[in-house]
Amino acid sequence: MKRIDTKEHQDLINVFERYKQFYDLYGNITVTEDDDKILRQRITELQGTYDYYQVLLFELSKCLRDYQSTISFLKTKMYSPVRKMKTIDKKNR
């Protein structure tokens, strides 16, 4: 038998309590077929919206990675000549 630590035990208790609250609120309610169709349609719409935002989030993270790599590339190309110029300037003073 696998042992669990106190945090996992507390998480299981919290999940059970939430499930119990959910059951107390909605356990005895029956859903008609029309309501079920409406709910499934809304869930499908939400899933489409969620997928759309996941794609946008992926594109945003890709753009951020590209931006970070471009910044680091420019820093390496730009800052070494600038440091060299500062050194030369200090020598000339």
PDB file of N, CA and C in Angstrom:
ATOM      1  N   MET A   1       0.836  -1.175   0.000  1.00  0.00           N
ATOM      2  CA  MET A   1       0.000   0.000   0.000  1.00  0.00           C
ATOM      3  C   MET A   1       0.886   1.245   0.000  1.00  0.00           C
ATOM      4  N   LYS A   2       0.494   2.211  -0.809  1.00  0.00           N
ATOM      5  CA  LYS A   2       1.277   3.426  -0.935  1.00  0.00           C
ATOM      6  C   LYS A   2       0.915   4.389   0.195  1.00  0.00           C
ATOM      7  N   ARG A   3       1.929   4.958   0.811  1.00  0.00           N
ATOM      8  CA  ARG A   3       1.705   5.935   1.872  1.00  0.00           C
ATOM      9  C   ARG A   3       1.564   7.325   1.257  1.00  0.00           C
ATOM     10  N   ILE A   4       0.762   8.153   1.885  1.00  0.00           N
ATOM     11  CA  ILE A   4       0.636   9.535   1.450  1.00  0.00           C
ATOM     12  C   ILE A   4       1.029  10.437   2.605  1.00  0.00           C
ATOM     13  N   ASP A   5       1.540  11.601   2.239  1.00  0.00           N
ATOM     14  CA  ASP A   5       1.933  12.528   3.292  1.00  0.00           C
ATOM     15  C   ASP A   5       0.736  13.383   3.712  1.00  0.00           C
ATOM     16  N   THR A   6       0.946  14.246   4.676  1.00  0.00           N
ATOM     17  CA  THR A   6      -0.165  15.019   5.235  1.00  0.00           C
ATOM     18  C   THR A   6      -0.746  16.000   4.226  1.00  0.00           C
ATOM     19  N   LYS A   7       0.093  16.545   3.347  1.00  0.00           N
ATOM     20  CA  LYS A   7      -0.407  17.486   2.334  1.00  0.00           C
ATOM     21  C   LYS A   7      -1.340  16.767   1.366  1.00  0.00           C
ATOM     22  N   GLU A   8      -0.938  15.590   0.901  1.00  0.00           N
ATOM     23  CA  GLU A   8      -1.800  14.830   0.001  1.00  0.00           C
ATOM     24  C   GLU A   8      -3.087  14.426   0.708  1.00  0.00           C
ATOM     25  N   HIS A   9      -2.979  14.069   1.972  1.00  0.00           N
ATOM     26  CA  HIS A   9      -4.166  13.701   2.743  1.00  0.00           C
ATOM     27  C   HIS A   9      -5.113  14.891   2.868  1.00  0.00           C
ATOM     28  N   GLN A  10      -4.565  16.057   3.142  1.00  0.00           N
ATOM     29  CA  GLN A  10      -5.390  17.263   3.236  1.00  0.00           C
ATOM     30  C   GLN A  10      -6.024  17.600   1.903  1.00  0.00           C
ATOM     31  N   ASP A  11      -5.287  17.432   0.813  1.00  0.00           N
ATOM     32  CA  ASP A  11      -5.843  17.660  -0.521  1.00  0.00           C
ATOM     33  C   ASP A  11      -7.008  16.718  -0.794  1.00  0.00           C
ATOM     34  N   LEU A  12      -6.865  15.452  -0.413  1.00  0.00           N
ATOM     35  CA  LEU A  12      -7.964  14.498  -0.595  1.00  0.00           C
ATOM     36  C   LEU A  12      -9.185  14.883   0.233  1.00  0.00           C
ATOM     37  N   ILE A  13      -8.960  15.349   1.444  1.00  0.00           N
ATOM     38  CA  ILE A  13     -10.075  15.788   2.285  1.00  0.00           C
ATOM     39  C   ILE A  13     -10.774  16.990   1.653  1.00  0.00           C
ATOM     40  N   ASN A  14      -9.989  17.938   1.125  1.00  0.00           N
ATOM     41  CA  ASN A  14     -10.572  19.113   0.478  1.00  0.00           C
ATOM     42  C   ASN A  14     -11.398  18.729  -0.746  1.00  0.00           C
ATOM     43  N   VAL A  15     -10.870  17.799  -1.544  1.00  0.00           N
ATOM     44  CA  VAL A  15     -11.601  17.347  -2.727  1.00  0.00           C
ATOM     45  C   VAL A  15     -12.903  16.669  -2.313  1.00  0.00           C
ATOM     46  N   PHE A  16     -12.839  15.835  -1.289  1.00  0.00           N
ATOM     47  CA  PHE A  16     -14.043  15.160  -0.815  1.00  0.00           C
ATOM     48  C   PHE A  16     -15.071  16.164  -0.311  1.00  0.00           C
ATOM     49  N   GLU A  17     -14.624  17.182   0.431  1.00  0.00           N
ATOM     50  CA  GLU A  17     -15.545  18.199   0.930  1.00  0.00           C
ATOM     51  C   GLU A  17     -16.196  18.970  -0.211  1.00  0.00           C
ATOM     52  N   ARG A  18     -15.411  19.319  -1.231  1.00  0.00           N
ATOM     53  CA  ARG A  18     -15.979  20.012  -2.388  1.00  0.00           C
ATOM     54  C   ARG A  18     -16.989  19.142  -3.114  1.00  0.00           C
ATOM     55  N   TYR A  19     -16.665  17.878  -3.272  1.00  0.00           N
ATOM     56  CA  TYR A  19     -17.588  16.952  -3.921  1.00  0.00           C
ATOM     57  C   TYR A  19     -18.873  16.837  -3.103  1.00  0.00           C
ATOM     58  N   LYS A  20     -18.732  16.789  -1.790  1.00  0.00           N
ATOM     59  CA  LYS A  20     -19.903  16.689  -0.919  1.00  0.00           C
ATOM     60  C   LYS A  20     -20.763  17.946  -1.030  1.00  0.00           C
ATOM     61  N   GLN A  21     -20.140  19.126  -1.058  1.00  0.00           N
ATOM     62  CA  GLN A  21     -20.885  20.375  -1.222  1.00  0.00           C
ATOM     63  C   GLN A  21     -21.602  20.404  -2.568  1.00  0.00           C
ATOM     64  N   PHE A  22     -20.903  19.969  -3.615  1.00  0.00           N
ATOM     65  CA  PHE A  22     -21.499  19.930  -4.949  1.00  0.00           C
ATOM     66  C   PHE A  22     -22.698  18.996  -4.964  1.00  0.00           C
ATOM     67  N   TYR A  23     -22.558  17.846  -4.343  1.00  0.00           N
ATOM     68  CA  TYR A  23     -23.654  16.884  -4.301  1.00  0.00           C
ATOM     69  C   TYR A  23     -24.830  17.429  -3.494  1.00  0.00           C
ATOM     70  N   ASP A  24     -24.524  18.106  -2.391  1.00  0.00           N
ATOM     71  CA  ASP A  24     -25.599  18.686  -1.590  1.00  0.00           C
ATOM     72  C   ASP A  24     -26.371  19.743  -2.371  1.00  0.00           C
ATOM     73  N   LEU A  25     -25.676  20.498  -3.209  1.00  0.00           N
ATOM     74  CA  LEU A  25     -26.345  21.537  -3.996  1.00  0.00           C
ATOM     75  C   LEU A  25     -27.095  20.975  -5.197  1.00  0.00           C
ATOM     76  N   TYR A  26     -26.466  20.054  -5.931  1.00  0.00           N
ATOM     77  CA  TYR A  26     -27.002  19.627  -7.220  1.00  0.00           C
ATOM     78  C   TYR A  26     -27.304  18.137  -7.310  1.00  0.00           C
ATOM     79  N   GLY A  27     -27.166  17.407  -6.237  1.00  0.00           N
ATOM     80  CA  GLY A  27     -27.298  15.954  -6.297  1.00  0.00           C
ATOM     81  C   GLY A  27     -28.673  15.455  -6.668  1.00  0.00           C
ATOM     82  N   ASN A  28     -29.726  16.164  -6.268  1.00  0.00           N
ATOM     83  CA  ASN A  28     -31.077  15.690  -6.511  1.00  0.00           C
ATOM     84  C   ASN A  28     -31.731  16.309  -7.734  1.00  0.00           C
ATOM     85  N   ILE A  29     -31.033  17.137  -8.452  1.00  0.00           N
ATOM     86  CA  ILE A  29     -31.594  17.819  -9.623  1.00  0.00           C
ATOM     87  C   ILE A  29     -31.432  16.923 -10.846  1.00  0.00           C
ATOM     88  N   THR A  30     -32.528  16.738 -11.563  1.00  0.00           N
ATOM     89  CA  THR A  30     -32.458  15.987 -12.815  1.00  0.00           C
ATOM     90  C   THR A  30     -32.471  16.961 -13.978  1.00  0.00           C
ATOM     91  N   VAL A  31     -31.810  16.609 -15.047  1.00  0.00           N
ATOM     92  CA  VAL A  31     -31.687  17.471 -16.209  1.00  0.00           C
ATOM     93  C   VAL A  31     -32.482  16.853 -17.347  1.00  0.00           C
ATOM     94  N   THR A  32     -33.292  17.677 -18.001  1.00  0.00           N
ATOM     95  CA  THR A  32     -34.059  17.174 -19.140  1.00  0.00           C
ATOM     96  C   THR A  32     -33.146  17.057 -20.347  1.00  0.00           C
ATOM     97  N   GLU A  33     -33.631  16.391 -21.375  1.00  0.00           N
ATOM     98  CA  GLU A  33     -32.815  16.210 -22.585  1.00  0.00           C
ATOM     99  C   GLU A  33     -32.554  17.535 -23.276  1.00  0.00           C
ATOM    100  N   ASP A  34     -33.541  18.425 -23.279  1.00  0.00           N
ATOM    101  CA  ASP A  34     -33.351  19.738 -23.912  1.00  0.00           C
ATOM    102  C   ASP A  34     -32.289  20.546 -23.166  1.00  0.00           C
ATOM    103  N   ASP A  35     -32.360  20.535 -21.841  1.00  0.00           N
ATOM    104  CA  ASP A  35     -31.334  21.232 -21.052  1.00  0.00           C
ATOM    105  C   ASP A  35     -29.966  20.610 -21.273  1.00  0.00           C
ATOM    106  N   ASP A  36     -29.922  19.300 -21.396  1.00  0.00           N
ATOM    107  CA  ASP A  36     -28.665  18.602 -21.640  1.00  0.00           C
ATOM    108  C   ASP A  36     -28.069  19.009 -22.976  1.00  0.00           C
ATOM    109  N   LYS A  37     -28.920  19.122 -24.007  1.00  0.00           N
ATOM    110  CA  LYS A  37     -28.432  19.553 -25.330  1.00  0.00           C
ATOM    111  C   LYS A  37     -27.893  20.973 -25.274  1.00  0.00           C
ATOM    112  N   ILE A  38     -28.616  21.840 -24.566  1.00  0.00           N
ATOM    113  CA  ILE A  38     -28.165  23.234 -24.436  1.00  0.00           C
ATOM    114  C   ILE A  38     -26.831  23.301 -23.693  1.00  0.00           C
ATOM    115  N   LEU A  39     -26.725  22.547 -22.609  1.00  0.00           N
ATOM    116  CA  LEU A  39     -25.470  22.522 -21.854  1.00  0.00           C
ATOM    117  C   LEU A  39     -24.312  22.002 -22.693  1.00  0.00           C
ATOM    118  N   ARG A  40     -24.563  20.932 -23.436  1.00  0.00           N
ATOM    119  CA  ARG A  40     -23.498  20.378 -24.275  1.00  0.00           C
ATOM    120  C   ARG A  40     -23.088  21.343 -25.368  1.00  0.00           C
ATOM    121  N   GLN A  41     -24.046  22.081 -25.925  1.00  0.00           N
ATOM    122  CA  GLN A  41     -23.724  23.066 -26.950  1.00  0.00           C
ATOM    123  C   GLN A  41     -22.879  24.193 -26.359  1.00  0.00           C
ATOM    124  N   ARG A  42     -23.253  24.660 -25.183  1.00  0.00           N
ATOM    125  CA  ARG A  42     -22.479  25.728 -24.528  1.00  0.00           C
ATOM    126  C   ARG A  42     -21.077  25.246 -24.163  1.00  0.00           C
ATOM    127  N   ILE A  43     -20.981  24.012 -23.715  1.00  0.00           N
ATOM    128  CA  ILE A  43     -19.667  23.457 -23.381  1.00  0.00           C
ATOM    129  C   ILE A  43     -18.797  23.372 -24.634  1.00  0.00           C
ATOM    130  N   THR A  44     -19.412  22.978 -25.755  1.00  0.00           N
ATOM    131  CA  THR A  44     -18.669  22.916 -27.013  1.00  0.00           C
ATOM    132  C   THR A  44     -18.173  24.298 -27.416  1.00  0.00           C
ATOM    133  N   GLU A  45     -19.024  25.316 -27.260  1.00  0.00           N
ATOM    134  CA  GLU A  45     -18.605  26.687 -27.566  1.00  0.00           C
ATOM    135  C   GLU A  45     -17.461  27.128 -26.661  1.00  0.00           C
ATOM    136  N   LEU A  46     -17.583  26.812 -25.379  1.00  0.00           N
ATOM    137  CA  LEU A  46     -16.514  27.166 -24.443  1.00  0.00           C
ATOM    138  C   LEU A  46     -15.215  26.444 -24.779  1.00  0.00           C
ATOM    139  N   GLN A  47     -15.329  25.186 -25.196  1.00  0.00           N
ATOM    140  CA  GLN A  47     -14.135  24.427 -25.566  1.00  0.00           C
ATOM    141  C   GLN A  47     -13.462  25.062 -26.778  1.00  0.00           C
ATOM    142  N   GLY A  48     -14.278  25.520 -27.747  1.00  0.00           N
ATOM    143  CA  GLY A  48     -13.717  26.197 -28.911  1.00  0.00           C
ATOM    144  C   GLY A  48     -13.018  27.483 -28.526  1.00  0.00           C
ATOM    145  N   THR A  49     -13.640  28.255 -27.635  1.00  0.00           N
ATOM    146  CA  THR A  49     -13.023  29.493 -27.170  1.00  0.00           C
ATOM    147  C   THR A  49     -11.726  29.201 -26.414  1.00  0.00           C
ATOM    148  N   TYR A  50     -11.756  28.173 -25.580  1.00  0.00           N
ATOM    149  CA  TYR A  50     -10.568  27.779 -24.825  1.00  0.00           C
ATOM    150  C   TYR A  50      -9.438  27.375 -25.781  1.00  0.00           C
ATOM    151  N   ASP A  51      -9.765  26.588 -26.784  1.00  0.00           N
ATOM    152  CA  ASP A  51      -8.750  26.175 -27.757  1.00  0.00           C
ATOM    153  C   ASP A  51      -8.171  27.370 -28.488  1.00  0.00           C
ATOM    154  N   TYR A  52      -9.038  28.328 -28.859  1.00  0.00           N
ATOM    155  CA  TYR A  52      -8.596  29.535 -29.553  1.00  0.00           C
ATOM    156  C   TYR A  52      -7.600  30.317 -28.686  1.00  0.00           C
ATOM    157  N   TYR A  53      -7.930  30.491 -27.407  1.00  0.00           N
ATOM    158  CA  TYR A  53      -7.032  31.226 -26.519  1.00  0.00           C
ATOM    159  C   TYR A  53      -5.756  30.440 -26.227  1.00  0.00           C
ATOM    160  N   GLN A  54      -5.830  29.134 -26.219  1.00  0.00           N
ATOM    161  CA  GLN A  54      -4.612  28.335 -26.056  1.00  0.00           C
ATOM    162  C   GLN A  54      -3.671  28.561 -27.234  1.00  0.00           C
ATOM    163  N   VAL A  55      -4.237  28.617 -28.448  1.00  0.00           N
ATOM    164  CA  VAL A  55      -3.413  28.879 -29.635  1.00  0.00           C
ATOM    165  C   VAL A  55      -2.793  30.269 -29.539  1.00  0.00           C
ATOM    166  N   LEU A  56      -3.592  31.253 -29.133  1.00  0.00           N
ATOM    167  CA  LEU A  56      -3.061  32.608 -28.977  1.00  0.00           C
ATOM    168  C   LEU A  56      -1.961  32.662 -27.924  1.00  0.00           C
ATOM    169  N   LEU A  57      -2.157  31.956 -26.837  1.00  0.00           N
ATOM    170  CA  LEU A  57      -1.150  31.923 -25.783  1.00  0.00           C
ATOM    171  C   LEU A  57       0.133  31.261 -26.269  1.00  0.00           C
ATOM    172  N   PHE A  58       0.000  30.198 -27.054  1.00  0.00           N
ATOM    173  CA  PHE A  58       1.174  29.541 -27.616  1.00  0.00           C
ATOM    174  C   PHE A  58       1.922  30.487 -28.553  1.00  0.00           C
ATOM    175  N   GLU A  59       1.172  31.204 -29.405  1.00  0.00           N
ATOM    176  CA  GLU A  59       1.807  32.152 -30.318  1.00  0.00           C
ATOM    177  C   GLU A  59       2.504  33.275 -29.547  1.00  0.00           C
ATOM    178  N   LEU A  60       1.868  33.734 -28.483  1.00  0.00           N
ATOM    179  CA  LEU A  60       2.469  34.788 -27.674  1.00  0.00           C
ATOM    180  C   LEU A  60       3.760  34.317 -27.027  1.00  0.00           C
ATOM    181  N   SER A  61       3.754  33.112 -26.486  1.00  0.00           N
ATOM    182  CA  SER A  61       4.978  32.597 -25.866  1.00  0.00           C
ATOM    183  C   SER A  61       6.067  32.392 -26.909  1.00  0.00           C
ATOM    184  N   LYS A  62       5.683  31.977 -28.114  1.00  0.00           N
ATOM    185  CA  LYS A  62       6.655  31.819 -29.207  1.00  0.00           C
ATOM    186  C   LYS A  62       7.259  33.181 -29.573  1.00  0.00           C
ATOM    187  N   CYS A  63       6.406  34.210 -29.658  1.00  0.00           N
ATOM    188  CA  CYS A  63       6.908  35.548 -29.962  1.00  0.00           C
ATOM    189  C   CYS A  63       7.827  36.059 -28.861  1.00  0.00           C
ATOM    190  N   LEU A  64       7.485  35.779 -27.620  1.00  0.00           N
ATOM    191  CA  LEU A  64       8.344  36.197 -26.505  1.00  0.00           C
ATOM    192  C   LEU A  64       9.706  35.521 -26.564  1.00  0.00           C
ATOM    193  N   ARG A  65       9.717  34.227 -26.887  1.00  0.00           N
ATOM    194  CA  ARG A  65      10.995  33.519 -27.004  1.00  0.00           C
ATOM    195  C   ARG A  65      11.828  34.106 -28.141  1.00  0.00           C
ATOM    196  N   ASP A  66      11.170  34.396 -29.278  1.00  0.00           N
ATOM    197  CA  ASP A  66      11.887  34.993 -30.398  1.00  0.00           C
ATOM    198  C   ASP A  66      12.438  36.370 -30.028  1.00  0.00           C
ATOM    199  N   TYR A  67      11.618  37.136 -29.317  1.00  0.00           N
ATOM    200  CA  TYR A  67      12.042  38.468 -28.892  1.00  0.00           C
ATOM    201  C   TYR A  67      13.243  38.373 -27.949  1.00  0.00           C
ATOM    202  N   GLN A  68      13.184  37.460 -26.987  1.00  0.00           N
ATOM    203  CA  GLN A  68      14.295  37.296 -26.052  1.00  0.00           C
ATOM    204  C   GLN A  68      15.573  36.877 -26.768  1.00  0.00           C
ATOM    205  N   SER A  69      15.442  35.975 -27.731  1.00  0.00           N
ATOM    206  CA  SER A  69      16.644  35.549 -28.454  1.00  0.00           C
ATOM    207  C   SER A  69      17.197  36.682 -29.307  1.00  0.00           C
ATOM    208  N   THR A  70      16.318  37.483 -29.913  1.00  0.00           N
ATOM    209  CA  THR A  70      16.774  38.619 -30.713  1.00  0.00           C
ATOM    210  C   THR A  70      17.469  39.646 -29.833  1.00  0.00           C
ATOM    211  N   ILE A  71      16.900  39.908 -28.667  1.00  0.00           N
ATOM    212  CA  ILE A  71      17.517  40.863 -27.738  1.00  0.00           C
ATOM    213  C   ILE A  71      18.897  40.387 -27.327  1.00  0.00           C
ATOM    214  N   SER A  72      19.009  39.123 -26.966  1.00  0.00           N
ATOM    215  CA  SER A  72      20.321  38.625 -26.530  1.00  0.00           C
ATOM    216  C   SER A  72      21.321  38.658 -27.684  1.00  0.00           C
ATOM    217  N   PHE A  73      20.888  38.353 -28.903  1.00  0.00           N
ATOM    218  CA  PHE A  73      21.772  38.410 -30.063  1.00  0.00           C
ATOM    219  C   PHE A  73      22.251  39.840 -30.289  1.00  0.00           C
ATOM    220  N   LEU A  74      21.313  40.800 -30.215  1.00  0.00           N
ATOM    221  CA  LEU A  74      21.691  42.193 -30.425  1.00  0.00           C
ATOM    222  C   LEU A  74      22.627  42.693 -29.327  1.00  0.00           C
ATOM    223  N   LYS A  75      22.384  42.256 -28.102  1.00  0.00           N
ATOM    224  CA  LYS A  75      23.277  42.674 -27.021  1.00  0.00           C
ATOM    225  C   LYS A  75      24.689  42.188 -27.250  1.00  0.00           C
ATOM    226  N   THR A  76      24.826  40.953 -27.696  1.00  0.00           N
ATOM    227  CA  THR A  76      26.182  40.440 -27.920  1.00  0.00           C
ATOM    228  C   THR A  76      26.851  41.153 -29.082  1.00  0.00           C
ATOM    229  N   LYS A  77      26.090  41.502 -30.105  1.00  0.00           N
ATOM    230  CA  LYS A  77      26.687  42.174 -31.263  1.00  0.00           C
ATOM    231  C   LYS A  77      26.940  43.652 -31.005  1.00  0.00           C
ATOM    232  N   MET A  78      26.088  44.287 -30.189  1.00  0.00           N
ATOM    233  CA  MET A  78      26.187  45.712 -29.990  1.00  0.00           C
ATOM    234  C   MET A  78      27.095  46.090 -28.830  1.00  0.00           C
ATOM    235  N   TYR A  79      27.009  45.374 -27.739  1.00  0.00           N
ATOM    236  CA  TYR A  79      27.671  45.818 -26.527  1.00  0.00           C
ATOM    237  C   TYR A  79      29.176  45.603 -26.548  1.00  0.00           C
ATOM    238  N   SER A  80      29.660  44.618 -27.259  1.00  0.00           N
ATOM    239  CA  SER A  80      31.117  44.447 -27.267  1.00  0.00           C
ATOM    240  C   SER A  80      31.819  45.615 -27.969  1.00  0.00           C
ATOM    241  N   PRO A  81      31.336  46.113 -29.122  1.00  0.00           N
ATOM    242  CA  PRO A  81      31.987  47.305 -29.696  1.00  0.00           C
ATOM    243  C   PRO A  81      31.827  48.552 -28.811  1.00  0.00           C
ATOM    244  N   VAL A  82      30.688  48.655 -28.145  1.00  0.00           N
ATOM    245  CA  VAL A  82      30.480  49.819 -27.274  1.00  0.00           C
ATOM    246  C   VAL A  82      31.463  49.775 -26.110  1.00  0.00           C
ATOM    247  N   ARG A  83      31.659  48.616 -25.524  1.00  0.00           N
ATOM    248  CA  ARG A  83      32.634  48.487 -24.437  1.00  0.00           C
ATOM    249  C   ARG A  83      34.030  48.820 -24.930  1.00  0.00           C
ATOM    250  N   LYS A  84      34.318  48.373 -26.135  1.00  0.00           N
ATOM    251  CA  LYS A  84      35.639  48.647 -26.706  1.00  0.00           C
ATOM    252  C   LYS A  84      35.824  50.149 -26.911  1.00  0.00           C
ATOM    253  N   MET A  85      34.767  50.810 -27.415  1.00  0.00           N
ATOM    254  CA  MET A  85      34.853  52.259 -27.621  1.00  0.00           C
ATOM    255  C   MET A  85      35.014  52.990 -26.296  1.00  0.00           C
ATOM    256  N   LYS A  86      34.333  52.522 -25.242  1.00  0.00           N
ATOM    257  CA  LYS A  86      34.474  53.168 -23.932  1.00  0.00           C
ATOM    258  C   LYS A  86      35.892  53.006 -23.402  1.00  0.00           C
ATOM    259  N   THR A  87      36.456  51.844 -23.612  1.00  0.00           N
ATOM    260  CA  THR A  87      37.831  51.603 -23.172  1.00  0.00           C
ATOM    261  C   THR A  87      38.798  52.514 -23.912  1.00  0.00           C
ATOM    262  N   ILE A  88      38.622  52.637 -25.206  1.00  0.00           N
ATOM    263  CA  ILE A  88      39.488  53.521 -26.013  1.00  0.00           C
ATOM    264  C   ILE A  88      39.321  54.954 -25.576  1.00  0.00           C
ATOM    265  N   ASP A  89      38.085  55.361 -25.291  1.00  0.00           N
ATOM    266  CA  ASP A  89      37.804  56.721 -24.855  1.00  0.00           C
ATOM    267  C   ASP A  89      38.488  57.003 -23.511  1.00  0.00           C
ATOM    268  N   LYS A  90      38.436  56.028 -22.599  1.00  0.00           N
ATOM    269  CA  LYS A  90      39.099  56.221 -21.293  1.00  0.00           C
ATOM    270  C   LYS A  90      40.598  56.326 -21.446  1.00  0.00           C
ATOM    271  N   LYS A  91      41.188  55.582 -22.396  1.00  0.00           N
ATOM    272  CA  LYS A  91      42.622  55.644 -22.624  1.00  0.00           C
ATOM    273  C   LYS A  91      43.034  56.988 -23.197  1.00  0.00           C
ATOM    274  N   ASN A  92      42.178  57.572 -24.036  1.00  0.00           N
ATOM    275  CA  ASN A  92      42.501  58.850 -24.667  1.00  0.00           C
ATOM    276  C   ASN A  92      42.373  60.028 -23.711  1.00  0.00           C
ATOM    277  N   ARG A  93      41.715  59.884 -22.607  1.00  0.00           N
ATOM    278  CA  ARG A  93      41.575  60.997 -21.653  1.00  0.00           C
ATOM    279  C   ARG A  93      42.772  61.215 -20.840  1.00  0.00           C
TER     280      ARG A  93
END
